Amino acid sequence: MKRKTLAAGAALAAAASLVTACNDNSGGGGGGGGKVVGLDYPRSDTDFWNSYIKYVPQFGKQDGLDLKTTNSENDIAKLTANVQTLIGQGVKGVVLAPQDTAAVAPTLVQLKQKKIPVVTVDTRPDSGDVYMVVRADNRAYGQKACKFLGDTLKGKGKVAMLEGDLASINGRDRTDAFNQCMTQSYPGIKVIGLATEWKGDVGANKLQTALAANPDLNGIYMQAGGAFLAPTLNVLKQKGRLVPPSDPKHIAIVSNDGIPEEMKAIGAGQIDATVSQPADLYAKYALFYIKAAIAGQKFAPGKTDHGSVIVAPRPGVLEDQLPAPLVTKDGAYPGSLKETDPQLWGNQIK
């Protein structure tokens, strides 16, 4: 019989009640062994991921979890070694955010063999079994950015896209969706793709070159504000192009992430919009689902009670797609939120 999707609140209560029973089968006996969770931070060199890192212990404490953490620093070899360390520490579940979504497959196989459930956050592995993927719809990121820039530029001009690493499903989703949308809806706009591997310095160097070759550039799409915001603003300032929207030399910019610095930049007229990627909810629901996995809870596709939708991107894999709203100056663009909206995590974090 197919089970209905459990509402998040009810599932959390059920998970809490079932964790004790799971402890009896954990081999550790007592001491909350079933609540020992391993979590690998993917990197700590961007504002977005540093924000995520700040939220993790807060929600871990609320869930009563004993967290063992590592940092793979955007290196798949380190992630593999870190997982070995976490296994050695007796974790009963693991949360990963693999940046190379293909190369993580052998690690997932090993964890499955050891019957250690895995939740991935932000990215979905290209293959392998995971209990739940916690991310937002990254194709929607590219589509929202395309529509905003296409409308703002009235369908004409040149847009530089600072691409994420195409070894990551996030980079591929955002890039493919943006390009497809531009081709179909705004054929009068030329897209200049700049491969960056999520590196701010690489993005800045390539943007300088693009500006030199295309002085009429009038749009920029940054796939990660945490990595690209400061370098991009520095380049535009050097070129005399960091000017308000009222100035004809203004370059319309839409970003992804929703970090506090982006909110300030929108308010100051330096950039025009961002798609707020929920760092707080990534931490909250990654830990919620790994606790549920340890407790033996089951989920199915459908709407949740926290404003998201669980989908099945491939057989045997579920993905909770959390909301990621477009944010603009004063919420003037249809369907967007104001950059000062208090519900945005970028306006809450200290």
Protein backbone atom coordinates (compact mmCIF):
# COMPACT_ATOMS: atom_id res chain seq x y z
CA MET A 1 0.00 0.00 0.00
CA LYS A 2 1.43 3.37 -0.96
CA ARG A 3 2.02 5.58 2.02
CA LYS A 4 1.02 9.21 1.92
CA THR A 5 3.61 11.93 2.34
CA LEU A 6 4.06 12.68 6.01
CA ALA A 7 3.66 16.29 7.04
CA ALA A 8 7.01 17.56 8.26
CA GLY A 9 5.79 18.41 11.74
CA ALA A 10 4.17 15.03 12.28
CA ALA A 11 7.15 13.22 10.85
CA LEU A 12 9.50 15.05 13.18
CA ALA A 13 7.51 13.97 16.21
CA ALA A 14 7.37 10.41 14.93
CA ALA A 15 11.08 10.45 14.21
CA ALA A 16 11.81 11.56 17.75
CA SER A 17 9.73 8.73 19.20
CA LEU A 18 11.32 6.10 16.97
CA VAL A 19 14.96 7.07 17.43
CA THR A 20 15.07 5.26 20.80
CA ALA A 21 13.96 2.04 19.16
CA CYS A 22 16.63 2.45 16.51
CA ASN A 23 19.24 2.92 19.21
CA ASP A 24 18.53 -0.62 20.41
CA ASN A 25 19.70 -1.89 17.01
CA SER A 26 22.64 0.47 16.63
CA GLY A 27 25.18 -1.73 18.36
CA GLY A 28 26.19 1.15 20.61
CA GLY A 29 23.52 0.64 23.26
CA GLY A 30 22.39 3.67 25.30
CA GLY A 31 24.12 7.03 25.33
CA GLY A 32 22.04 8.32 22.41
CA GLY A 33 24.14 6.32 19.93
CA GLY A 34 21.41 6.46 17.31
CA LYS A 35 21.59 10.26 17.28
CA VAL A 36 25.27 10.49 16.29
CA VAL A 37 25.24 12.16 12.88
CA GLY A 38 28.15 12.95 10.60
CA LEU A 39 28.03 16.11 8.49
CA ASP A 40 30.58 17.23 5.94
CA TYR A 41 30.73 20.93 5.10
CA PRO A 42 31.54 21.28 1.38
CA ARG A 43 33.55 24.49 1.72
CA SER A 44 34.00 27.57 3.90
CA ASP A 45 35.27 30.08 1.34
CA THR A 46 31.93 31.68 0.39
CA ASP A 47 29.46 33.71 2.41
CA PHE A 48 26.64 31.33 1.56
CA TRP A 49 28.36 28.24 2.90
CA ASN A 50 29.65 30.08 5.96
CA SER A 51 26.03 30.99 6.69
CA TYR A 52 24.98 27.35 6.32
CA ILE A 53 27.78 26.34 8.70
CA LYS A 54 26.43 28.77 11.31
CA TYR A 55 22.93 27.32 11.09
CA VAL A 56 23.91 23.64 11.42
CA PRO A 57 24.75 23.55 15.15
CA GLN A 58 21.63 25.59 15.94
CA PHE A 59 19.31 23.05 14.35
CA GLY A 60 21.41 20.11 15.49
CA LYS A 61 20.90 21.20 19.08
CA GLN A 62 17.16 21.62 18.54
CA ASP A 63 16.97 18.08 17.15
CA GLY A 64 19.06 16.62 19.99
CA LEU A 65 21.73 15.34 17.61
CA ASP A 66 25.37 14.64 18.42
CA LEU A 67 27.06 16.15 15.37
CA LYS A 68 30.46 15.09 14.08
CA THR A 69 31.58 17.56 11.41
CA THR A 70 34.30 17.74 8.78
CA ASN A 71 35.09 20.10 5.88
CA SER A 72 36.02 18.75 2.45
CA GLU A 73 37.03 22.18 1.07
CA ASN A 74 35.56 21.53 -2.38
CA ASP A 75 37.83 18.49 -2.81
CA ILE A 76 36.23 15.10 -3.55
CA ALA A 77 39.30 13.24 -2.25
CA LYS A 78 38.94 15.02 1.09
CA LEU A 79 35.23 14.24 1.16
CA THR A 80 36.02 10.56 0.68
CA ALA A 81 38.59 10.64 3.49
CA ASN A 82 36.25 12.61 5.73
CA VAL A 83 33.52 10.01 5.33
CA GLN A 84 35.99 7.35 6.47
CA THR A 85 36.68 9.45 9.55
CA LEU A 86 32.97 9.83 10.27
CA ILE A 87 32.37 6.11 9.88
CA GLY A 88 35.15 5.52 12.37
CA GLN A 89 33.39 7.84 14.81
CA GLY A 90 30.33 5.59 14.76
CA VAL A 91 27.85 7.86 12.99
CA LYS A 92 24.41 6.44 12.28
CA GLY A 93 23.66 8.78 9.39
CA VAL A 94 25.59 11.19 7.16
CA VAL A 95 24.76 14.55 5.59
CA LEU A 96 26.85 15.47 2.54
CA ALA A 97 26.91 18.34 0.05
CA PRO A 98 29.06 16.90 -2.76
CA GLN A 99 30.21 19.57 -5.19
CA ASP A 100 31.32 16.96 -7.75
CA THR A 101 28.05 15.10 -8.12
CA ALA A 102 29.46 12.28 -10.25
CA ALA A 103 32.62 11.44 -8.32
CA VAL A 104 30.76 10.94 -5.02
CA ALA A 105 29.17 7.69 -6.27
CA PRO A 106 31.73 5.23 -4.76
CA THR A 107 31.34 6.87 -1.35
CA LEU A 108 27.58 6.44 -1.52
CA VAL A 109 28.02 2.76 -2.39
CA GLN A 110 30.24 2.25 0.64
CA LEU A 111 27.79 3.96 2.98
CA LYS A 112 24.93 1.86 1.58
CA GLN A 113 26.93 -1.31 2.22
CA LYS A 114 27.40 -0.23 5.82
CA LYS A 115 23.67 0.57 6.07
CA ILE A 116 24.38 4.22 6.95
CA PRO A 117 21.66 6.46 5.44
CA VAL A 118 22.68 9.57 3.53
CA VAL A 119 21.01 12.92 3.01
CA THR A 120 22.56 15.28 0.49
CA VAL A 121 22.01 19.00 0.74
CA ASP A 122 22.24 21.56 -2.09
CA THR A 123 23.25 18.96 -4.69
CA ARG A 124 21.80 15.71 -6.04
CA PRO A 125 24.31 12.96 -6.86
CA ASP A 126 24.31 11.87 -10.49
CA SER A 127 23.99 8.25 -9.36
CA GLY A 128 23.75 6.26 -6.15
CA ASP A 129 21.20 5.91 -3.37
CA VAL A 130 20.38 8.63 -0.88
CA TYR A 131 17.54 8.83 1.62
CA MET A 132 16.61 12.39 0.67
CA VAL A 133 18.02 15.28 -1.33
CA VAL A 134 17.45 18.70 0.23
CA ARG A 135 17.80 21.52 -2.28
CA ALA A 136 15.81 24.03 -4.26
CA ASP A 137 14.81 23.72 -7.91
CA ASN A 138 18.02 24.92 -9.53
CA ARG A 139 16.51 25.00 -12.99
CA ALA A 140 14.05 27.53 -11.61
CA TYR A 141 17.05 29.65 -10.53
CA GLY A 142 18.21 29.91 -14.12
CA GLN A 143 14.70 30.51 -15.43
CA LYS A 144 13.95 33.27 -12.90
CA ALA A 145 17.28 34.96 -13.65
CA CYS A 146 16.61 34.74 -17.39
CA LYS A 147 13.11 36.17 -17.17
CA PHE A 148 14.16 39.02 -14.90
CA LEU A 149 17.09 40.04 -17.11
CA GLY A 150 15.16 39.49 -20.32
CA ASP A 151 12.34 41.75 -19.15
CA THR A 152 14.67 44.34 -17.62
CA LEU A 153 16.72 44.58 -20.82
CA LYS A 154 13.58 44.55 -22.96
CA GLY A 155 14.86 41.53 -24.85
CA LYS A 156 17.99 43.18 -26.28
CA GLY A 157 21.67 43.25 -25.40
CA LYS A 158 24.50 41.09 -24.11
CA VAL A 159 24.59 39.16 -20.85
CA ALA A 160 27.65 37.59 -19.24
CA MET A 161 26.85 34.46 -17.24
CA LEU A 162 29.28 33.54 -14.47
CA GLU A 163 28.70 29.80 -14.55
CA GLY A 164 29.13 27.44 -11.66
CA ASP A 165 31.19 24.28 -11.98
CA LEU A 166 29.56 22.06 -14.62
CA ALA A 167 30.81 19.02 -12.67
CA SER A 168 28.00 19.96 -10.27
CA ILE A 169 24.36 19.36 -11.10
CA ASN A 170 23.65 22.86 -9.77
CA GLY A 171 25.96 24.47 -12.30
CA ARG A 172 24.47 22.39 -15.10
CA ASP A 173 20.86 23.04 -14.07
CA ARG A 174 21.30 26.81 -13.77
CA THR A 175 23.32 27.11 -16.97
CA ASP A 176 21.08 24.92 -19.12
CA ALA A 177 17.85 26.51 -17.87
CA PHE A 178 19.16 30.06 -18.36
CA ASN A 179 20.41 29.33 -21.89
CA GLN A 180 17.21 27.55 -22.93
CA CYS A 181 15.03 30.34 -21.58
CA MET A 182 17.07 33.02 -23.35
CA THR A 183 17.01 31.15 -26.65
CA GLN A 184 13.27 30.56 -26.51
CA SER A 185 12.02 33.82 -24.98
CA TYR A 186 14.69 36.47 -25.61
CA PRO A 187 16.49 35.67 -28.88
CA GLY A 188 17.67 39.28 -29.10
CA ILE A 189 19.97 38.80 -26.11
CA LYS A 190 23.42 37.25 -26.61
CA VAL A 191 24.64 35.13 -23.69
CA ILE A 192 28.38 35.04 -23.01
CA GLY A 193 29.12 31.98 -20.88
CA LEU A 194 32.07 32.27 -18.49
CA ALA A 195 33.18 29.00 -16.85
CA THR A 196 34.40 29.65 -13.29
CA GLU A 197 34.32 26.38 -11.27
CA TRP A 198 32.61 28.50 -8.55
CA LYS A 199 35.85 30.50 -8.10
CA GLY A 200 35.49 34.24 -7.58
CA ASP A 201 38.93 35.18 -8.87
CA VAL A 202 38.40 33.18 -12.05
CA GLY A 203 35.04 34.85 -12.56
CA ALA A 204 36.53 38.32 -12.05
CA ASN A 205 39.33 37.73 -14.57
CA LYS A 206 36.94 36.39 -17.20
CA LEU A 207 34.48 39.22 -16.61
CA GLN A 208 37.25 41.77 -17.19
CA THR A 209 38.07 40.11 -20.49
CA ALA A 210 34.40 39.96 -21.48
CA LEU A 211 33.91 43.65 -20.70
CA ALA A 212 36.97 44.60 -22.76
CA ALA A 213 35.66 42.66 -25.75
CA ASN A 214 32.03 43.72 -25.22
CA PRO A 215 31.87 47.33 -23.97
CA ASP A 216 28.13 47.25 -24.70
CA LEU A 217 27.56 44.47 -22.13
CA ASN A 218 24.37 45.36 -20.27
CA GLY A 219 23.59 42.31 -18.13
CA ILE A 220 25.26 39.83 -15.78
CA TYR A 221 23.96 36.60 -14.27
CA MET A 222 26.00 35.42 -11.28
CA GLN A 223 25.18 31.82 -10.39
CA ALA A 224 26.58 32.24 -6.86
CA GLY A 225 26.58 35.60 -5.13
CA GLY A 226 28.61 34.20 -2.25
CA ALA A 227 31.49 33.55 -4.63
CA PHE A 228 31.01 36.27 -7.25
CA LEU A 229 29.43 39.34 -5.67
CA ALA A 230 32.48 41.12 -4.26
CA PRO A 231 34.79 40.31 -7.22
CA THR A 232 32.14 41.41 -9.73
CA LEU A 233 31.47 44.71 -7.96
CA ASN A 234 35.22 45.38 -7.80
CA VAL A 235 35.59 44.81 -11.55
CA LEU A 236 32.64 47.08 -12.35
CA LYS A 237 33.98 49.79 -10.05
CA GLN A 238 37.37 49.67 -11.79
CA LYS A 239 35.66 49.95 -15.18
CA GLY A 240 33.41 52.83 -14.11
CA ARG A 241 30.31 50.65 -14.57
CA LEU A 242 29.21 50.36 -10.93
CA VAL A 243 26.44 52.91 -11.29
CA PRO A 244 22.76 53.01 -10.22
CA PRO A 245 19.93 51.74 -12.45
CA SER A 246 19.07 55.30 -13.43
CA ASP A 247 22.46 55.67 -15.18
CA PRO A 248 22.58 54.52 -18.83
CA LYS A 249 25.89 52.76 -18.09
CA HIS A 250 24.26 50.55 -15.44
CA ILE A 251 24.66 46.81 -15.97
CA ALA A 252 21.61 44.88 -14.82
CA ILE A 253 22.71 42.09 -12.47
CA VAL A 254 20.81 39.13 -11.08
CA SER A 255 22.45 36.74 -8.65
CA ASN A 256 21.79 33.50 -6.76
CA ASP A 257 22.22 32.89 -3.01
CA GLY A 258 20.45 35.55 -0.93
CA ILE A 259 23.36 36.41 1.37
CA PRO A 260 23.12 39.61 3.47
CA GLU A 261 25.61 41.39 1.21
CA GLU A 262 23.32 40.83 -1.79
CA MET A 263 20.38 42.37 0.07
CA LYS A 264 22.50 45.44 0.81
CA ALA A 265 23.73 45.61 -2.79
CA ILE A 266 20.15 45.50 -4.10
CA GLY A 267 19.14 48.26 -1.70
CA ALA A 268 22.12 50.35 -2.82
CA GLY A 269 21.30 49.88 -6.50
CA GLN A 270 24.52 47.99 -7.22
CA ILE A 271 22.75 44.81 -8.32
CA ASP A 272 19.12 44.38 -9.30
CA ALA A 273 17.97 41.01 -8.00
CA THR A 274 18.88 37.67 -6.48
CA VAL A 275 17.26 34.30 -6.00
CA SER A 276 17.39 33.52 -2.29
CA GLN A 277 18.80 30.04 -1.76
CA PRO A 278 17.63 29.02 1.72
CA ALA A 279 20.80 28.37 3.76
CA ASP A 280 18.75 28.17 6.96
CA LEU A 281 16.26 25.64 5.57
CA TYR A 282 19.05 23.59 4.01
CA ALA A 283 20.52 23.08 7.48
CA LYS A 284 17.15 22.58 9.16
CA TYR A 285 15.74 19.98 6.79
CA ALA A 286 19.00 18.15 6.10
CA LEU A 287 19.13 17.37 9.82
CA PHE A 288 15.39 16.73 9.99
CA TYR A 289 15.60 14.10 7.26
CA ILE A 290 18.73 12.36 8.53
CA LYS A 291 17.05 12.04 11.93
CA ALA A 292 13.98 10.61 10.20
CA ALA A 293 16.20 8.20 8.24
CA ILE A 294 17.75 6.87 11.44
CA ALA A 295 14.24 6.46 12.85
CA GLY A 296 13.08 4.46 9.82
CA GLN A 297 10.54 7.00 8.57
CA LYS A 298 9.29 6.83 4.97
CA PHE A 299 8.30 9.64 2.61
CA ALA A 300 6.63 9.86 -0.78
CA PRO A 301 6.29 12.56 -3.46
CA GLY A 302 3.88 15.38 -2.72
CA LYS A 303 3.49 18.72 -0.98
CA THR A 304 4.88 19.23 2.51
CA ASP A 305 3.63 21.50 5.29
CA HIS A 306 6.73 23.69 5.06
CA GLY A 307 5.99 25.19 1.67
CA SER A 308 7.97 22.74 -0.45
CA VAL A 309 7.33 19.80 -2.74
CA ILE A 310 8.95 16.36 -2.60
CA VAL A 311 9.65 15.06 -6.10
CA ALA A 312 11.19 11.86 -7.48
CA PRO A 313 13.87 12.98 -9.97
CA ARG A 314 14.79 9.34 -10.66
CA PRO A 315 13.58 5.97 -9.37
CA GLY A 316 14.44 5.42 -5.72
CA VAL A 317 15.54 9.02 -5.04
CA LEU A 318 13.40 11.70 -3.40
CA GLU A 319 14.15 15.41 -3.39
CA ASP A 320 12.55 18.03 -1.14
CA GLN A 321 12.58 21.17 -3.26
CA LEU A 322 12.53 24.08 -0.82
CA PRO A 323 11.20 27.52 -1.82
CA ALA A 324 13.70 30.00 -3.28
CA PRO A 325 12.06 33.38 -4.02
CA LEU A 326 13.25 36.11 -6.35
CA VAL A 327 14.26 39.25 -4.45
CA THR A 328 14.28 42.75 -5.99
CA LYS A 329 14.40 46.38 -4.99
CA ASP A 330 11.19 47.08 -3.04
CA GLY A 331 9.62 43.93 -4.52
CA ALA A 332 8.75 45.93 -7.63
CA TYR A 333 9.11 43.01 -10.06
CA PRO A 334 5.97 40.81 -10.20
CA GLY A 335 6.17 37.85 -7.83
CA SER A 336 9.34 39.03 -6.08
CA LEU A 337 10.01 39.90 -2.44
CA LYS A 338 11.44 43.17 -1.16
CA GLU A 339 15.14 43.14 -0.33
CA THR A 340 14.22 44.20 3.22
CA ASP A 341 11.63 41.45 3.78
CA PRO A 342 12.22 40.10 7.30
CA GLN A 343 11.29 36.53 6.32
CA LEU A 344 14.42 36.25 4.15
CA TRP A 345 17.26 34.50 5.96
CA GLY A 346 19.68 37.05 4.53
CA ASN A 347 17.96 39.69 6.66
CA GLN A 348 17.99 37.55 9.80
CA ILE A 349 21.55 36.31 10.10
CA LYS A 350 23.92 38.30 12.24
